Amino acid sequence: MLTVGDKFPAFKLAAVKAGKEGLLGPGKSFTEISETTDSGKWKVVFFWPKDFTFICPTEIAAFGKLAGEFADRDTVVYGVSTDSEFVHLNWRVYNEDIRNLEIPMLADLKRELSAALGILDKAEGVPLRATFIVDPDGTIQWAAVNGLNVGRNPQEVLRVLDALQTDELCPCNWEKGKDVLKPQELFEKAA
């Protein structure tokens, strides 16, 4: 699996647009997203195993609810599964929790991005619940993976993004607005 310090792989995937534009119907709801889309921004890219399942919409909806907070941090969020853009659109139309989703849903139909990242479940052939924070230079700065049966915490992803964007030393459970660690001050106190 690719991890911190690795370049996020190049990709070009069909996607259902975010928000109301994603509900306009085939031909109007779709776009193409690549690694150069939203160039110069931080990116959160998260994967789920399959559309029309039970845990996935809870995570997707939670990321969607935080879309504005991620945008305030100059960060875009991309959700990805190996289902097609048509399946994504149909799921959005029929699932109230994600109908007005404010993030695009990317279709890794050929599993190329999932395979390049090394996150395909060996038994099921679908992506694990992987999440990547990618800096504006395309380098992975954080990676986390859950098994198929356990949802993740998007609020924690936001907290880690905040810490990464400080470019400082952040202690355990650090939250935005709290003090960061200053090694020189710690040494002076100890002396």
N, C-alpha and C. Protein backbone atom coordinates (compact mmCIF):
# COMPACT_ATOMS: atom_id res chain seq x y z
N MET A 1 0.84 -1.18 0.00
CA MET A 1 0.00 0.00 0.00
C MET A 1 0.88 1.24 0.00
N LEU A 2 0.51 2.24 -0.80
CA LEU A 2 1.24 3.50 -0.77
C LEU A 2 0.95 4.20 0.56
N THR A 3 1.93 4.97 1.02
CA THR A 3 1.79 5.59 2.33
C THR A 3 2.46 6.97 2.36
N VAL A 4 2.64 7.50 3.54
CA VAL A 4 3.19 8.85 3.73
C VAL A 4 4.52 8.99 2.99
N GLY A 5 4.64 10.06 2.22
CA GLY A 5 5.85 10.33 1.47
C GLY A 5 5.80 9.86 0.03
N ASP A 6 4.87 8.97 -0.30
CA ASP A 6 4.70 8.50 -1.67
C ASP A 6 3.87 9.50 -2.47
N LYS A 7 4.12 9.55 -3.77
CA LYS A 7 3.29 10.37 -4.65
C LYS A 7 1.96 9.67 -4.88
N PHE A 8 0.88 10.44 -4.83
CA PHE A 8 -0.42 9.87 -5.13
C PHE A 8 -0.43 9.55 -6.62
N PRO A 9 -0.94 8.38 -7.02
CA PRO A 9 -0.89 7.98 -8.43
C PRO A 9 -1.68 8.91 -9.36
N ALA A 10 -1.23 8.97 -10.60
CA ALA A 10 -1.99 9.68 -11.63
C ALA A 10 -3.28 8.90 -11.88
N PHE A 11 -4.35 9.63 -12.18
CA PHE A 11 -5.63 9.00 -12.46
C PHE A 11 -6.49 9.93 -13.29
N LYS A 12 -7.47 9.37 -13.96
CA LYS A 12 -8.49 10.13 -14.69
C LYS A 12 -9.75 9.30 -14.62
N LEU A 13 -10.75 9.78 -13.83
CA LEU A 13 -11.94 8.99 -13.57
C LEU A 13 -13.21 9.79 -13.83
N ALA A 14 -14.23 9.10 -14.32
CA ALA A 14 -15.56 9.70 -14.44
C ALA A 14 -16.11 9.88 -13.02
N ALA A 15 -16.92 10.93 -12.84
CA ALA A 15 -17.47 11.21 -11.52
C ALA A 15 -18.85 11.83 -11.63
N VAL A 16 -19.63 11.63 -10.58
CA VAL A 16 -20.88 12.36 -10.43
C VAL A 16 -20.52 13.67 -9.74
N LYS A 17 -20.97 14.77 -10.31
CA LYS A 17 -20.67 16.09 -9.75
C LYS A 17 -21.23 16.24 -8.34
N ALA A 18 -20.66 17.16 -7.62
CA ALA A 18 -21.13 17.47 -6.27
C ALA A 18 -22.42 18.29 -6.32
N GLY A 19 -23.18 18.23 -5.25
CA GLY A 19 -24.36 19.08 -5.08
C GLY A 19 -25.46 18.81 -6.08
N LYS A 20 -26.26 19.85 -6.35
CA LYS A 20 -27.42 19.72 -7.23
C LYS A 20 -27.04 19.40 -8.66
N GLU A 21 -25.83 19.81 -9.08
CA GLU A 21 -25.38 19.51 -10.44
C GLU A 21 -25.28 18.00 -10.65
N GLY A 22 -25.05 17.26 -9.56
CA GLY A 22 -24.95 15.82 -9.65
C GLY A 22 -26.28 15.13 -9.85
N LEU A 23 -27.37 15.88 -9.76
CA LEU A 23 -28.70 15.27 -9.90
C LEU A 23 -29.43 15.69 -11.17
N LEU A 24 -28.71 16.27 -12.12
CA LEU A 24 -29.34 16.74 -13.35
C LEU A 24 -29.63 15.63 -14.34
N GLY A 25 -29.05 14.46 -14.13
CA GLY A 25 -29.30 13.32 -15.01
C GLY A 25 -28.11 13.01 -15.90
N PRO A 26 -28.12 11.81 -16.51
CA PRO A 26 -27.02 11.40 -17.39
C PRO A 26 -26.72 12.46 -18.45
N GLY A 27 -25.45 12.68 -18.68
CA GLY A 27 -25.02 13.68 -19.65
C GLY A 27 -24.82 15.04 -19.03
N LYS A 28 -25.48 15.32 -17.92
CA LYS A 28 -25.34 16.61 -17.24
C LYS A 28 -24.76 16.45 -15.85
N SER A 29 -24.89 15.27 -15.28
CA SER A 29 -24.46 15.03 -13.90
C SER A 29 -23.00 14.61 -13.80
N PHE A 30 -22.37 14.30 -14.94
CA PHE A 30 -21.05 13.71 -14.90
C PHE A 30 -19.95 14.70 -15.28
N THR A 31 -18.77 14.41 -14.76
CA THR A 31 -17.57 15.16 -15.09
C THR A 31 -16.40 14.19 -15.07
N GLU A 32 -15.22 14.68 -15.40
CA GLU A 32 -14.01 13.87 -15.31
C GLU A 32 -13.09 14.54 -14.31
N ILE A 33 -12.51 13.75 -13.44
CA ILE A 33 -11.60 14.28 -12.42
C ILE A 33 -10.29 13.52 -12.52
N SER A 34 -9.19 14.27 -12.46
CA SER A 34 -7.85 13.67 -12.51
C SER A 34 -7.02 14.23 -11.37
N GLU A 35 -5.79 13.75 -11.30
CA GLU A 35 -4.89 14.24 -10.25
C GLU A 35 -4.57 15.73 -10.42
N THR A 36 -4.80 16.28 -11.62
CA THR A 36 -4.52 17.70 -11.84
C THR A 36 -5.74 18.59 -11.60
N THR A 37 -6.92 17.97 -11.43
CA THR A 37 -8.11 18.75 -11.09
C THR A 37 -7.87 19.37 -9.71
N ASP A 38 -8.28 20.59 -9.54
CA ASP A 38 -8.09 21.29 -8.26
C ASP A 38 -6.61 21.37 -7.90
N SER A 39 -5.79 21.59 -8.92
CA SER A 39 -4.34 21.71 -8.72
C SER A 39 -4.01 22.78 -7.68
N GLY A 40 -3.03 22.51 -6.86
CA GLY A 40 -2.59 23.46 -5.85
C GLY A 40 -3.38 23.39 -4.55
N LYS A 41 -4.34 22.50 -4.48
CA LYS A 41 -5.14 22.36 -3.25
C LYS A 41 -4.74 21.07 -2.52
N TRP A 42 -5.02 21.05 -1.24
CA TRP A 42 -4.96 19.80 -0.48
C TRP A 42 -6.13 18.94 -0.95
N LYS A 43 -5.95 17.62 -0.87
CA LYS A 43 -7.01 16.70 -1.27
C LYS A 43 -7.19 15.62 -0.20
N VAL A 44 -8.44 15.32 0.08
CA VAL A 44 -8.78 14.15 0.87
C VAL A 44 -9.47 13.20 -0.09
N VAL A 45 -8.90 12.01 -0.24
CA VAL A 45 -9.45 11.01 -1.15
C VAL A 45 -9.80 9.79 -0.30
N PHE A 46 -11.09 9.47 -0.27
CA PHE A 46 -11.50 8.31 0.53
C PHE A 46 -12.24 7.31 -0.34
N PHE A 47 -12.08 6.06 0.01
CA PHE A 47 -12.63 4.94 -0.77
C PHE A 47 -13.62 4.17 0.08
N TRP A 48 -14.65 3.64 -0.58
CA TRP A 48 -15.58 2.73 0.08
C TRP A 48 -15.74 1.50 -0.81
N PRO A 49 -16.16 0.37 -0.21
CA PRO A 49 -16.21 -0.89 -0.96
C PRO A 49 -17.25 -0.94 -2.08
N LYS A 50 -18.52 -0.62 -1.77
CA LYS A 50 -19.58 -0.79 -2.76
C LYS A 50 -20.71 0.20 -2.50
N ASP A 51 -21.35 0.63 -3.57
CA ASP A 51 -22.57 1.43 -3.45
C ASP A 51 -23.71 0.53 -2.99
N PHE A 52 -24.80 1.14 -2.54
CA PHE A 52 -26.00 0.43 -2.10
C PHE A 52 -25.71 -0.56 -0.97
N THR A 53 -24.84 -0.15 -0.05
CA THR A 53 -24.55 -0.97 1.12
C THR A 53 -24.94 -0.19 2.37
N PHE A 54 -24.52 -0.64 3.53
CA PHE A 54 -25.04 -0.09 4.77
C PHE A 54 -24.10 0.88 5.49
N ILE A 55 -22.84 0.55 5.61
CA ILE A 55 -21.88 1.42 6.30
C ILE A 55 -21.49 2.60 5.40
N CYS A 56 -21.30 2.33 4.13
CA CYS A 56 -20.78 3.33 3.19
C CYS A 56 -21.56 4.65 3.20
N PRO A 57 -22.90 4.63 3.12
CA PRO A 57 -23.58 5.93 3.07
C PRO A 57 -23.43 6.74 4.35
N THR A 58 -23.21 6.05 5.49
CA THR A 58 -23.01 6.81 6.73
C THR A 58 -21.72 7.60 6.66
N GLU A 59 -20.67 6.99 6.09
CA GLU A 59 -19.39 7.67 5.95
C GLU A 59 -19.46 8.78 4.90
N ILE A 60 -20.05 8.45 3.76
CA ILE A 60 -20.14 9.42 2.67
C ILE A 60 -20.92 10.65 3.11
N ALA A 61 -22.05 10.43 3.78
CA ALA A 61 -22.85 11.55 4.27
C ALA A 61 -22.06 12.37 5.29
N ALA A 62 -21.30 11.72 6.15
CA ALA A 62 -20.51 12.44 7.16
C ALA A 62 -19.43 13.30 6.49
N PHE A 63 -18.75 12.77 5.48
CA PHE A 63 -17.78 13.58 4.74
C PHE A 63 -18.49 14.75 4.06
N GLY A 64 -19.66 14.48 3.47
CA GLY A 64 -20.43 15.52 2.79
C GLY A 64 -20.81 16.65 3.72
N LYS A 65 -21.20 16.32 4.95
CA LYS A 65 -21.57 17.35 5.93
C LYS A 65 -20.39 18.23 6.31
N LEU A 66 -19.18 17.71 6.16
CA LEU A 66 -17.97 18.48 6.50
C LEU A 66 -17.36 19.16 5.27
N ALA A 67 -17.99 19.06 4.11
CA ALA A 67 -17.42 19.61 2.87
C ALA A 67 -17.06 21.09 3.01
N GLY A 68 -17.92 21.87 3.66
CA GLY A 68 -17.64 23.29 3.85
C GLY A 68 -16.42 23.52 4.72
N GLU A 69 -16.26 22.71 5.76
CA GLU A 69 -15.10 22.85 6.63
C GLU A 69 -13.81 22.49 5.90
N PHE A 70 -13.87 21.44 5.07
CA PHE A 70 -12.69 21.10 4.27
C PHE A 70 -12.39 22.23 3.29
N ALA A 71 -13.42 22.79 2.65
CA ALA A 71 -13.23 23.89 1.69
C ALA A 71 -12.61 25.10 2.38
N ASP A 72 -13.01 25.36 3.64
CA ASP A 72 -12.41 26.47 4.40
C ASP A 72 -10.92 26.28 4.60
N ARG A 73 -10.45 25.06 4.46
CA ARG A 73 -9.03 24.73 4.63
C ARG A 73 -8.34 24.53 3.28
N ASP A 74 -8.97 25.05 2.22
CA ASP A 74 -8.44 24.95 0.86
C ASP A 74 -8.21 23.49 0.46
N THR A 75 -9.18 22.65 0.82
CA THR A 75 -9.08 21.22 0.60
C THR A 75 -10.32 20.72 -0.13
N VAL A 76 -10.10 19.86 -1.13
CA VAL A 76 -11.22 19.22 -1.82
C VAL A 76 -11.31 17.78 -1.34
N VAL A 77 -12.51 17.25 -1.36
CA VAL A 77 -12.75 15.87 -0.94
C VAL A 77 -13.30 15.10 -2.13
N TYR A 78 -12.69 13.96 -2.40
CA TYR A 78 -13.15 13.06 -3.45
C TYR A 78 -13.52 11.73 -2.81
N GLY A 79 -14.72 11.24 -3.09
CA GLY A 79 -15.11 9.90 -2.66
C GLY A 79 -15.02 8.95 -3.84
N VAL A 80 -14.51 7.74 -3.61
CA VAL A 80 -14.25 6.82 -4.72
C VAL A 80 -14.70 5.40 -4.36
N SER A 81 -15.33 4.74 -5.32
CA SER A 81 -15.54 3.29 -5.24
C SER A 81 -15.34 2.72 -6.64
N THR A 82 -15.46 1.42 -6.75
CA THR A 82 -15.27 0.78 -8.06
C THR A 82 -16.59 0.61 -8.81
N ASP A 83 -17.65 1.22 -8.29
CA ASP A 83 -18.91 1.24 -9.03
C ASP A 83 -18.85 2.32 -10.11
N SER A 84 -19.70 2.22 -11.12
CA SER A 84 -19.70 3.18 -12.22
C SER A 84 -20.35 4.50 -11.80
N GLU A 85 -20.14 5.52 -12.59
CA GLU A 85 -20.78 6.81 -12.35
C GLU A 85 -22.31 6.70 -12.44
N PHE A 86 -22.81 5.78 -13.26
CA PHE A 86 -24.25 5.58 -13.38
C PHE A 86 -24.83 4.97 -12.10
N VAL A 87 -24.10 4.05 -11.52
CA VAL A 87 -24.53 3.46 -10.25
C VAL A 87 -24.47 4.52 -9.15
N HIS A 88 -23.40 5.32 -9.12
CA HIS A 88 -23.30 6.42 -8.14
C HIS A 88 -24.51 7.34 -8.25
N LEU A 89 -24.85 7.74 -9.47
CA LEU A 89 -25.97 8.65 -9.69
C LEU A 89 -27.28 8.03 -9.20
N ASN A 90 -27.50 6.79 -9.55
CA ASN A 90 -28.72 6.11 -9.13
C ASN A 90 -28.79 6.02 -7.60
N TRP A 91 -27.67 5.74 -6.97
CA TRP A 91 -27.63 5.66 -5.51
C TRP A 91 -27.97 7.00 -4.89
N ARG A 92 -27.40 8.07 -5.44
CA ARG A 92 -27.70 9.40 -4.92
C ARG A 92 -29.18 9.74 -5.06
N VAL A 93 -29.77 9.40 -6.20
CA VAL A 93 -31.18 9.70 -6.43
C VAL A 93 -32.07 8.99 -5.41
N TYR A 94 -31.71 7.77 -5.05
CA TYR A 94 -32.59 6.97 -4.20
C TYR A 94 -32.18 6.88 -2.73
N ASN A 95 -31.11 7.54 -2.34
CA ASN A 95 -30.69 7.51 -0.93
C ASN A 95 -30.73 8.93 -0.38
N GLU A 96 -31.67 9.17 0.49
CA GLU A 96 -31.88 10.51 1.07
C GLU A 96 -30.62 11.06 1.75
N ASP A 97 -29.84 10.18 2.38
CA ASP A 97 -28.65 10.63 3.11
C ASP A 97 -27.58 11.23 2.21
N ILE A 98 -27.51 10.79 0.97
CA ILE A 98 -26.46 11.29 0.07
C ILE A 98 -27.01 12.02 -1.15
N ARG A 99 -28.31 12.22 -1.21
CA ARG A 99 -28.93 12.85 -2.38
C ARG A 99 -28.28 14.20 -2.70
N ASN A 100 -28.09 15.03 -1.71
CA ASN A 100 -27.53 16.38 -1.93
C ASN A 100 -26.05 16.45 -1.57
N LEU A 101 -25.35 15.38 -1.77
CA LEU A 101 -23.94 15.25 -1.42
C LEU A 101 -23.10 16.38 -2.02
N GLU A 102 -22.30 17.02 -1.20
CA GLU A 102 -21.50 18.17 -1.64
C GLU A 102 -20.07 17.80 -2.03
N ILE A 103 -19.85 16.54 -2.34
CA ILE A 103 -18.55 16.10 -2.84
C ILE A 103 -18.78 15.20 -4.05
N PRO A 104 -17.85 15.19 -5.00
CA PRO A 104 -18.02 14.30 -6.16
C PRO A 104 -17.77 12.84 -5.79
N MET A 105 -18.45 11.96 -6.53
CA MET A 105 -18.29 10.52 -6.36
C MET A 105 -17.58 9.98 -7.61
N LEU A 106 -16.34 9.52 -7.43
CA LEU A 106 -15.53 9.05 -8.54
C LEU A 106 -15.72 7.56 -8.78
N ALA A 107 -15.64 7.17 -10.04
CA ALA A 107 -15.86 5.77 -10.45
C ALA A 107 -14.54 5.15 -10.91
N ASP A 108 -13.95 4.33 -10.05
CA ASP A 108 -12.72 3.60 -10.37
C ASP A 108 -13.10 2.23 -10.93
N LEU A 109 -13.87 2.26 -12.00
CA LEU A 109 -14.48 1.06 -12.57
C LEU A 109 -13.45 -0.01 -12.94
N LYS A 110 -12.31 0.39 -13.46
CA LYS A 110 -11.28 -0.59 -13.86
C LYS A 110 -10.36 -0.96 -12.69
N ARG A 111 -10.60 -0.35 -11.52
CA ARG A 111 -9.83 -0.63 -10.31
C ARG A 111 -8.37 -0.21 -10.43
N GLU A 112 -8.05 0.63 -11.38
CA GLU A 112 -6.66 1.03 -11.59
C GLU A 112 -6.11 1.88 -10.45
N LEU A 113 -6.89 2.86 -9.98
CA LEU A 113 -6.41 3.71 -8.89
C LEU A 113 -6.34 2.90 -7.60
N SER A 114 -7.36 2.11 -7.32
CA SER A 114 -7.36 1.28 -6.11
C SER A 114 -6.17 0.32 -6.10
N ALA A 115 -5.89 -0.29 -7.26
CA ALA A 115 -4.76 -1.21 -7.37
C ALA A 115 -3.43 -0.48 -7.21
N ALA A 116 -3.31 0.69 -7.83
CA ALA A 116 -2.06 1.47 -7.72
C ALA A 116 -1.78 1.88 -6.27
N LEU A 117 -2.84 2.13 -5.53
CA LEU A 117 -2.68 2.49 -4.11
C LEU A 117 -2.48 1.27 -3.24
N GLY A 118 -2.80 0.09 -3.74
CA GLY A 118 -2.64 -1.15 -2.97
C GLY A 118 -3.72 -1.36 -1.93
N ILE A 119 -4.96 -0.92 -2.22
CA ILE A 119 -6.02 -0.98 -1.21
C ILE A 119 -7.17 -1.92 -1.58
N LEU A 120 -6.99 -2.78 -2.57
CA LEU A 120 -8.04 -3.73 -2.92
C LEU A 120 -8.04 -4.89 -1.93
N ASP A 121 -9.21 -5.21 -1.40
CA ASP A 121 -9.35 -6.35 -0.51
C ASP A 121 -9.05 -7.62 -1.31
N LYS A 122 -8.17 -8.45 -0.78
CA LYS A 122 -7.73 -9.63 -1.52
C LYS A 122 -8.86 -10.63 -1.77
N ALA A 123 -9.78 -10.75 -0.85
CA ALA A 123 -10.87 -11.72 -1.00
C ALA A 123 -12.03 -11.17 -1.83
N GLU A 124 -12.39 -9.91 -1.60
CA GLU A 124 -13.59 -9.34 -2.23
C GLU A 124 -13.32 -8.57 -3.52
N GLY A 125 -12.07 -8.10 -3.71
CA GLY A 125 -11.74 -7.35 -4.92
C GLY A 125 -12.29 -5.94 -4.96
N VAL A 126 -12.71 -5.42 -3.81
CA VAL A 126 -13.23 -4.06 -3.70
C VAL A 126 -12.29 -3.25 -2.82
N PRO A 127 -12.35 -1.92 -2.90
CA PRO A 127 -11.45 -1.12 -2.06
C PRO A 127 -11.78 -1.27 -0.58
N LEU A 128 -10.72 -1.31 0.21
CA LEU A 128 -10.89 -1.20 1.65
C LEU A 128 -11.31 0.23 1.96
N ARG A 129 -11.69 0.50 3.19
CA ARG A 129 -12.08 1.86 3.59
C ARG A 129 -10.81 2.67 3.83
N ALA A 130 -10.18 3.08 2.75
CA ALA A 130 -8.91 3.81 2.82
C ALA A 130 -9.16 5.30 2.68
N THR A 131 -8.35 6.08 3.40
CA THR A 131 -8.43 7.53 3.34
C THR A 131 -7.02 8.08 3.20
N PHE A 132 -6.85 9.02 2.28
CA PHE A 132 -5.55 9.65 2.04
C PHE A 132 -5.69 11.16 2.12
N ILE A 133 -4.76 11.81 2.80
CA ILE A 133 -4.63 13.26 2.74
C ILE A 133 -3.41 13.53 1.88
N VAL A 134 -3.62 14.29 0.81
CA VAL A 134 -2.58 14.56 -0.18
C VAL A 134 -2.30 16.05 -0.20
N ASP A 135 -1.03 16.43 -0.11
CA ASP A 135 -0.68 17.85 -0.09
C ASP A 135 -0.76 18.45 -1.49
N PRO A 136 -0.64 19.78 -1.61
CA PRO A 136 -0.75 20.43 -2.93
C PRO A 136 0.28 19.98 -3.95
N ASP A 137 1.37 19.34 -3.50
CA ASP A 137 2.39 18.83 -4.42
C ASP A 137 2.10 17.40 -4.87
N GLY A 138 1.00 16.81 -4.38
CA GLY A 138 0.64 15.46 -4.78
C GLY A 138 1.27 14.37 -3.94
N THR A 139 1.82 14.72 -2.79
CA THR A 139 2.46 13.75 -1.90
C THR A 139 1.49 13.35 -0.79
N ILE A 140 1.41 12.06 -0.55
CA ILE A 140 0.55 11.57 0.53
C ILE A 140 1.16 11.98 1.87
N GLN A 141 0.36 12.65 2.69
CA GLN A 141 0.82 13.09 4.01
C GLN A 141 0.18 12.30 5.14
N TRP A 142 -0.89 11.56 4.84
CA TRP A 142 -1.56 10.73 5.84
C TRP A 142 -2.32 9.65 5.11
N ALA A 143 -2.30 8.44 5.65
CA ALA A 143 -3.03 7.32 5.07
C ALA A 143 -3.59 6.48 6.21
N ALA A 144 -4.85 6.09 6.08
CA ALA A 144 -5.49 5.23 7.08
C ALA A 144 -6.39 4.25 6.35
N VAL A 145 -6.45 3.03 6.86
CA VAL A 145 -7.27 2.00 6.24
C VAL A 145 -8.04 1.24 7.30
N ASN A 146 -9.33 1.09 7.06
CA ASN A 146 -10.19 0.25 7.90
C ASN A 146 -10.61 -0.95 7.07
N GLY A 147 -10.93 -2.04 7.75
CA GLY A 147 -11.47 -3.21 7.09
C GLY A 147 -12.86 -2.90 6.53
N LEU A 148 -13.44 -3.86 5.88
CA LEU A 148 -14.72 -3.66 5.21
C LEU A 148 -15.88 -3.42 6.18
N ASN A 149 -15.78 -3.89 7.41
CA ASN A 149 -16.91 -3.85 8.33
C ASN A 149 -16.87 -2.71 9.35
N VAL A 150 -15.90 -1.82 9.27
CA VAL A 150 -15.78 -0.76 10.27
C VAL A 150 -15.68 0.60 9.58
N GLY A 151 -16.63 1.49 9.90
CA GLY A 151 -16.62 2.84 9.34
C GLY A 151 -15.54 3.71 9.96
N ARG A 152 -15.19 4.77 9.25
CA ARG A 152 -14.15 5.69 9.74
C ARG A 152 -14.79 6.95 10.30
N ASN A 153 -13.97 7.83 10.85
CA ASN A 153 -14.43 9.06 11.48
C ASN A 153 -13.93 10.26 10.67
N PRO A 154 -14.77 10.85 9.81
CA PRO A 154 -14.35 12.00 9.01
C PRO A 154 -13.89 13.20 9.85
N GLN A 155 -14.42 13.34 11.06
CA GLN A 155 -13.99 14.42 11.94
C GLN A 155 -12.51 14.25 12.29
N GLU A 156 -12.06 13.02 12.45
CA GLU A 156 -10.64 12.75 12.71
C GLU A 156 -9.79 13.12 11.50
N VAL A 157 -10.30 12.87 10.31
CA VAL A 157 -9.58 13.25 9.09
C VAL A 157 -9.40 14.77 9.06
N LEU A 158 -10.44 15.50 9.42
CA LEU A 158 -10.36 16.96 9.47
C LEU A 158 -9.34 17.42 10.52
N ARG A 159 -9.34 16.76 11.69
CA ARG A 159 -8.38 17.09 12.74
C ARG A 159 -6.94 16.87 12.27
N VAL A 160 -6.70 15.75 11.61
CA VAL A 160 -5.35 15.46 11.10
C VAL A 160 -4.96 16.47 10.02
N LEU A 161 -5.89 16.82 9.14
CA LEU A 161 -5.61 17.84 8.13
C LEU A 161 -5.21 19.15 8.79
N ASP A 162 -5.95 19.57 9.81
CA ASP A 162 -5.60 20.79 10.54
C ASP A 162 -4.18 20.71 11.08
N ALA A 163 -3.83 19.59 11.66
CA ALA A 163 -2.48 19.41 12.22
C ALA A 163 -1.42 19.47 11.11
N LEU A 164 -1.67 18.79 10.01
CA LEU A 164 -0.70 18.81 8.91
C LEU A 164 -0.51 20.22 8.36
N GLN A 165 -1.59 20.98 8.29
CA GLN A 165 -1.49 22.32 7.73
C GLN A 165 -0.79 23.32 8.65
N THR A 166 -0.60 22.98 9.93
CA THR A 166 0.15 23.87 10.81
C THR A 166 1.64 23.84 10.49
N ASP A 167 2.11 22.71 9.95
CA ASP A 167 3.53 22.48 9.70
C ASP A 167 4.33 22.60 11.00
N GLU A 168 3.68 22.23 12.10
CA GLU A 168 4.29 22.26 13.44
C GLU A 168 4.19 20.87 14.06
N LEU A 169 4.77 20.72 15.24
CA LEU A 169 4.65 19.49 16.00
C LEU A 169 3.35 19.53 16.80
N CYS A 170 2.47 18.61 16.53
CA CYS A 170 1.16 18.58 17.19
C CYS A 170 1.06 17.35 18.08
N PRO A 171 0.78 17.54 19.38
CA PRO A 171 0.72 16.40 20.29
C PRO A 171 -0.53 15.55 20.07
N CYS A 172 -0.58 14.45 20.77
CA CYS A 172 -1.72 13.54 20.76
C CYS A 172 -3.00 14.32 21.05
N ASN A 173 -4.05 14.04 20.30
CA ASN A 173 -5.37 14.67 20.46
C ASN A 173 -5.37 16.18 20.24
N TRP A 174 -4.35 16.70 19.58
CA TRP A 174 -4.30 18.13 19.29
C TRP A 174 -5.52 18.52 18.47
N GLU A 175 -6.04 19.70 18.73
CA GLU A 175 -7.15 20.24 17.95
C GLU A 175 -6.82 21.66 17.53
N LYS A 176 -7.40 22.06 16.41
CA LYS A 176 -7.18 23.40 15.87
C LYS A 176 -7.43 24.46 16.94
N GLY A 177 -6.50 25.39 17.06
CA GLY A 177 -6.61 26.45 18.04
C GLY A 177 -5.82 26.18 19.32
N LYS A 178 -5.43 24.93 19.52
CA LYS A 178 -4.64 24.59 20.71
C LYS A 178 -3.16 24.80 20.43
N ASP A 179 -2.38 24.84 21.50
CA ASP A 179 -0.94 25.05 21.36
C ASP A 179 -0.27 23.86 20.69
N VAL A 180 0.71 24.17 19.86
CA VAL A 180 1.55 23.14 19.27
C VAL A 180 2.79 23.00 20.15
N LEU A 181 3.56 21.96 19.92
CA LEU A 181 4.77 21.75 20.72
C LEU A 181 5.92 22.60 20.19
N LYS A 182 6.62 23.22 21.11
CA LYS A 182 7.80 24.01 20.78
C LYS A 182 8.98 23.38 21.50
N PRO A 183 9.78 22.54 20.82
CA PRO A 183 10.86 21.81 21.49
C PRO A 183 11.81 22.70 22.28
N GLN A 184 12.15 23.85 21.75
CA GLN A 184 13.08 24.74 22.46
C GLN A 184 12.50 25.15 23.81
N GLU A 185 11.21 25.47 23.84
CA GLU A 185 10.57 25.85 25.10
C GLU A 185 10.54 24.68 26.08
N LEU A 186 10.34 23.47 25.57
CA LEU A 186 10.33 22.29 26.43
C LEU A 186 11.70 22.06 27.04
N PHE A 187 12.76 22.24 26.24
CA PHE A 187 14.12 22.08 26.76
C PHE A 187 14.43 23.15 27.80
N GLU A 188 14.00 24.37 27.56
CA GLU A 188 14.25 25.45 28.50
C GLU A 188 13.55 25.20 29.83
N LYS A 189 12.31 24.67 29.79
CA LYS A 189 11.58 24.37 31.02
C LYS A 189 12.26 23.27 31.81
N ALA A 190 12.84 22.30 31.10
CA ALA A 190 13.49 21.17 31.76
C ALA A 190 14.81 21.57 32.40
N ALA A 191 15.42 22.63 31.89
CA ALA A 191 16.76 23.04 32.39
C ALA A 191 16.69 23.75 33.72
